[in-house]
């Protein structure tokens, strides 16, 4: 064999080894992503009554309570998606709203603490919304 053929053969062997390493790294990266996804899924569905997506309905709110104040009030109980005060077409408060929590256990804590709590001398009512009912909020 000549030097040129030796160089070509060495380069070919290096290329094969490099392809094997790339495949192994790709497989390893895929396995790491799968493990992270599995850990996230296990965390979301763990069996401690922290099922995602619980809504607490709040009624008898004082007319001066804003979305930001309701959100600030709810954040002490856990992670929330949104807190919303309901308004009519004229921009006046309907004196009701809702807080959407990420987990049921946080929502239950909020209901226990917020129910009959007075804000601006009005005792507000908090109640866990039935998650089986798909309806528009506070339809009249």
C-alpha atoms as a PDB file:
ATOM      1  CA  UNK A   1       0.000   0.000   0.000  1.00  0.00           C
ATOM      2  CA  UNK A   2       1.060   3.489  -0.673  1.00  0.00           C
ATOM      3  CA  UNK A   3       1.047   6.387   1.732  1.00  0.00           C
ATOM      4  CA  UNK A   4      -1.981   7.883   0.021  1.00  0.00           C
ATOM      5  CA  UNK A   5      -4.023   4.692   0.540  1.00  0.00           C
ATOM      6  CA  UNK A   6      -2.878   4.526   4.176  1.00  0.00           C
ATOM      7  CA  UNK A   7      -4.032   8.101   4.769  1.00  0.00           C
ATOM      8  CA  UNK A   8      -7.390   7.398   3.119  1.00  0.00           C
ATOM      9  CA  UNK A   9      -7.822   4.235   5.228  1.00  0.00           C
ATOM     10  CA  UNK A  10      -6.930   6.116   8.449  1.00  0.00           C
ATOM     11  CA  UNK A  11      -9.330   8.945   7.575  1.00  0.00           C
ATOM     12  CA  UNK A  12     -12.060   6.397   6.854  1.00  0.00           C
ATOM     13  CA  UNK A  13     -11.500   4.686  10.212  1.00  0.00           C
ATOM     14  CA  UNK A  14     -11.549   8.067  11.991  1.00  0.00           C
ATOM     15  CA  UNK A  15     -14.780   8.953  10.205  1.00  0.00           C
ATOM     16  CA  UNK A  16     -16.393   5.661  11.283  1.00  0.00           C
ATOM     17  CA  UNK A  17     -15.294   6.202  14.899  1.00  0.00           C
ATOM     18  CA  UNK A  18     -16.574   9.781  14.822  1.00  0.00           C
ATOM     19  CA  UNK A  19     -19.951   8.617  13.470  1.00  0.00           C
ATOM     20  CA  UNK A  20     -20.188   6.037  16.277  1.00  0.00           C
ATOM     21  CA  UNK A  21     -19.428   8.722  18.891  1.00  0.00           C
ATOM     22  CA  UNK A  22     -22.042  11.050  17.368  1.00  0.00           C
ATOM     23  CA  UNK A  23     -24.672   8.306  17.474  1.00  0.00           C
ATOM     24  CA  UNK A  24     -23.817   7.521  21.089  1.00  0.00           C
ATOM     25  CA  UNK A  25     -23.987  11.202  22.044  1.00  0.00           C
ATOM     26  CA  UNK A  26     -27.293  11.588  20.223  1.00  0.00           C
ATOM     27  CA  UNK A  27     -28.698   8.541  22.004  1.00  0.00           C
ATOM     28  CA  UNK A  28     -27.403   9.828  25.339  1.00  0.00           C
ATOM     29  CA  UNK A  29     -28.971  13.258  24.715  1.00  0.00           C
ATOM     30  CA  UNK A  30     -32.278  11.624  23.815  1.00  0.00           C
ATOM     31  CA  UNK A  31     -32.184   9.525  26.985  1.00  0.00           C
ATOM     32  CA  UNK A  32     -31.440  12.613  29.119  1.00  0.00           C
ATOM     33  CA  UNK A  33     -34.356  14.517  27.571  1.00  0.00           C
ATOM     34  CA  UNK A  34     -36.625  11.515  28.138  1.00  0.00           C
ATOM     35  CA  UNK A  35     -35.565  11.290  31.793  1.00  0.00           C
ATOM     36  CA  UNK A  36     -36.236  15.001  32.324  1.00  0.00           C
ATOM     37  CA  UNK A  37     -39.643  14.686  30.692  1.00  0.00           C
ATOM     38  CA  UNK A  38     -40.451  11.639  32.824  1.00  0.00           C
ATOM     39  CA  UNK A  39     -39.380  13.480  35.985  1.00  0.00           C
ATOM     40  CA  UNK A  40     -41.587  16.434  35.031  1.00  0.00           C
ATOM     41  CA  UNK A  41     -44.537  14.140  34.306  1.00  0.00           C
ATOM     42  CA  UNK A  42     -44.069  12.319  37.603  1.00  0.00           C
ATOM     43  CA  UNK A  43     -43.893  15.643  39.428  1.00  0.00           C
ATOM     44  CA  UNK A  44     -47.118  16.885  37.814  1.00  0.00           C
ATOM     45  CA  UNK A  45     -49.022  13.687  38.548  1.00  0.00           C
ATOM     46  CA  UNK A  46     -47.667  12.794  41.931  1.00  0.00           C
ATOM     47  CA  UNK A  47     -50.189  11.334  44.320  1.00  0.00           C
ATOM     48  CA  UNK A  48     -50.374  14.043  46.989  1.00  0.00           C
ATOM     49  CA  UNK A  49     -53.654  15.740  46.044  1.00  0.00           C
ATOM     50  CA  UNK A  50     -51.866  18.393  44.011  1.00  0.00           C
ATOM     51  CA  UNK A  51     -53.735  17.779  40.779  1.00  0.00           C
ATOM     52  CA  UNK A  52     -53.394  20.646  38.334  1.00  0.00           C
ATOM     53  CA  UNK A  53     -56.048  23.192  37.571  1.00  0.00           C
ATOM     54  CA  UNK A  54     -58.221  24.172  40.551  1.00  0.00           C
ATOM     55  CA  UNK A  55     -60.419  27.287  40.597  1.00  0.00           C
ATOM     56  CA  UNK A  56     -61.723  29.094  43.661  1.00  0.00           C
ATOM     57  CA  UNK A  57     -64.818  31.259  43.181  1.00  0.00           C
ATOM     58  CA  UNK A  58     -64.915  34.387  45.338  1.00  0.00           C
ATOM     59  CA  UNK A  59     -68.200  36.216  45.986  1.00  0.00           C
ATOM     60  CA  UNK A  60     -69.216  39.215  48.080  1.00  0.00           C
ATOM     61  CA  UNK A  61     -66.031  41.120  47.246  1.00  0.00           C
ATOM     62  CA  UNK A  62     -65.865  44.798  48.052  1.00  0.00           C
ATOM     63  CA  UNK A  63     -66.293  46.898  44.900  1.00  0.00           C
ATOM     64  CA  UNK A  64     -62.879  48.514  45.342  1.00  0.00           C
ATOM     65  CA  UNK A  65     -60.895  45.222  45.172  1.00  0.00           C
ATOM     66  CA  UNK A  66     -58.778  45.025  41.996  1.00  0.00           C
ATOM     67  CA  UNK A  67     -57.255  42.109  40.082  1.00  0.00           C
ATOM     68  CA  UNK A  68     -53.804  42.891  41.475  1.00  0.00           C
ATOM     69  CA  UNK A  69     -55.072  42.939  45.066  1.00  0.00           C
ATOM     70  CA  UNK A  70     -56.859  39.618  44.576  1.00  0.00           C
ATOM     71  CA  UNK A  71     -53.725  38.121  43.027  1.00  0.00           C
ATOM     72  CA  UNK A  72     -51.562  39.401  45.877  1.00  0.00           C
ATOM     73  CA  UNK A  73     -54.016  37.946  48.403  1.00  0.00           C
ATOM     74  CA  UNK A  74     -53.996  34.536  46.671  1.00  0.00           C
ATOM     75  CA  UNK A  75     -50.241  34.177  46.206  1.00  0.00           C
ATOM     76  CA  UNK A  76     -49.711  33.413  49.879  1.00  0.00           C
ATOM     77  CA  UNK A  77     -51.461  30.046  49.402  1.00  0.00           C
ATOM     78  CA  UNK A  78     -49.472  28.774  46.440  1.00  0.00           C
ATOM     79  CA  UNK A  79     -48.691  29.206  42.787  1.00  0.00           C
ATOM     80  CA  UNK A  80     -51.536  30.764  40.824  1.00  0.00           C
ATOM     81  CA  UNK A  81     -52.296  31.018  37.121  1.00  0.00           C
ATOM     82  CA  UNK A  82     -54.558  34.054  37.354  1.00  0.00           C
ATOM     83  CA  UNK A  83     -56.793  36.045  39.642  1.00  0.00           C
ATOM     84  CA  UNK A  84     -59.668  37.933  38.088  1.00  0.00           C
ATOM     85  CA  UNK A  85     -62.357  40.267  39.425  1.00  0.00           C
ATOM     86  CA  UNK A  86     -65.512  40.279  37.287  1.00  0.00           C
ATOM     87  CA  UNK A  87     -66.590  43.657  35.844  1.00  0.00           C
ATOM     88  CA  UNK A  88     -69.762  44.742  34.080  1.00  0.00           C
ATOM     89  CA  UNK A  89     -69.857  46.603  30.741  1.00  0.00           C
ATOM     90  CA  UNK A  90     -69.685  49.953  32.495  1.00  0.00           C
ATOM     91  CA  UNK A  91     -66.475  49.022  34.325  1.00  0.00           C
ATOM     92  CA  UNK A  92     -68.072  48.502  37.736  1.00  0.00           C
ATOM     93  CA  UNK A  93     -67.205  45.545  39.901  1.00  0.00           C
ATOM     94  CA  UNK A  94     -69.730  42.690  40.030  1.00  0.00           C
ATOM     95  CA  UNK A  95     -68.320  41.994  43.511  1.00  0.00           C
ATOM     96  CA  UNK A  96     -67.212  38.523  42.522  1.00  0.00           C
ATOM     97  CA  UNK A  97     -64.167  36.922  40.952  1.00  0.00           C
ATOM     98  CA  UNK A  98     -62.078  33.799  40.761  1.00  0.00           C
ATOM     99  CA  UNK A  99     -58.580  32.573  41.459  1.00  0.00           C
ATOM    100  CA  UNK A 100     -57.096  29.812  39.331  1.00  0.00           C
ATOM    101  CA  UNK A 101     -54.461  27.777  41.166  1.00  0.00           C
ATOM    102  CA  UNK A 102     -52.010  25.320  39.657  1.00  0.00           C
ATOM    103  CA  UNK A 103     -52.784  22.702  42.346  1.00  0.00           C
ATOM    104  CA  UNK A 104     -55.911  21.537  44.163  1.00  0.00           C
ATOM    105  CA  UNK A 105     -54.196  21.420  47.555  1.00  0.00           C
ATOM    106  CA  UNK A 106     -53.281  25.123  47.283  1.00  0.00           C
ATOM    107  CA  UNK A 107     -56.858  25.962  46.315  1.00  0.00           C
ATOM    108  CA  UNK A 108     -58.219  24.041  49.317  1.00  0.00           C
ATOM    109  CA  UNK A 109     -55.898  25.977  51.637  1.00  0.00           C
ATOM    110  CA  UNK A 110     -57.124  29.222  50.109  1.00  0.00           C
ATOM    111  CA  UNK A 111     -60.798  28.265  50.561  1.00  0.00           C
ATOM    112  CA  UNK A 112     -60.236  27.385  54.214  1.00  0.00           C
ATOM    113  CA  UNK A 113     -58.450  30.653  54.907  1.00  0.00           C
ATOM    114  CA  UNK A 114     -60.394  33.087  52.711  1.00  0.00           C
ATOM    115  CA  UNK A 115     -63.942  31.940  53.431  1.00  0.00           C
ATOM    116  CA  UNK A 116     -65.682  34.524  55.688  1.00  0.00           C
ATOM    117  CA  UNK A 117     -62.572  36.734  55.728  1.00  0.00           C
ATOM    118  CA  UNK A 118     -63.487  40.402  55.810  1.00  0.00           C
ATOM    119  CA  UNK A 119     -62.091  42.846  53.291  1.00  0.00           C
ATOM    120  CA  UNK A 120     -63.254  46.449  53.619  1.00  0.00           C
ATOM    121  CA  UNK A 121     -65.847  45.300  56.215  1.00  0.00           C
ATOM    122  CA  UNK A 122     -67.457  42.716  53.859  1.00  0.00           C
ATOM    123  CA  UNK A 123     -67.127  38.978  54.609  1.00  0.00           C
ATOM    124  CA  UNK A 124     -66.197  37.372  51.329  1.00  0.00           C
ATOM    125  CA  UNK A 125     -67.205  33.810  50.433  1.00  0.00           C
ATOM    126  CA  UNK A 126     -64.728  31.392  48.877  1.00  0.00           C
ATOM    127  CA  UNK A 127     -65.691  28.081  47.382  1.00  0.00           C
ATOM    128  CA  UNK A 128     -63.887  25.470  45.290  1.00  0.00           C
ATOM    129  CA  UNK A 129     -65.388  25.267  41.809  1.00  0.00           C
ATOM    130  CA  UNK A 130     -66.561  21.830  40.701  1.00  0.00           C
ATOM    131  CA  UNK A 131     -64.047  20.844  38.025  1.00  0.00           C
ATOM    132  CA  UNK A 132     -66.477  18.456  36.325  1.00  0.00           C
ATOM    133  CA  UNK A 133     -68.757  21.305  35.246  1.00  0.00           C
ATOM    134  CA  UNK A 134     -67.609  23.172  32.156  1.00  0.00           C
ATOM    135  CA  UNK A 135     -69.483  26.436  32.225  1.00  0.00           C
ATOM    136  CA  UNK A 136     -68.933  30.084  31.689  1.00  0.00           C
ATOM    137  CA  UNK A 137     -68.093  32.000  34.841  1.00  0.00           C
ATOM    138  CA  UNK A 138     -71.042  33.569  36.688  1.00  0.00           C
ATOM    139  CA  UNK A 139     -73.572  33.511  33.853  1.00  0.00           C
ATOM    140  CA  UNK A 140     -76.805  35.256  34.776  1.00  0.00           C
END
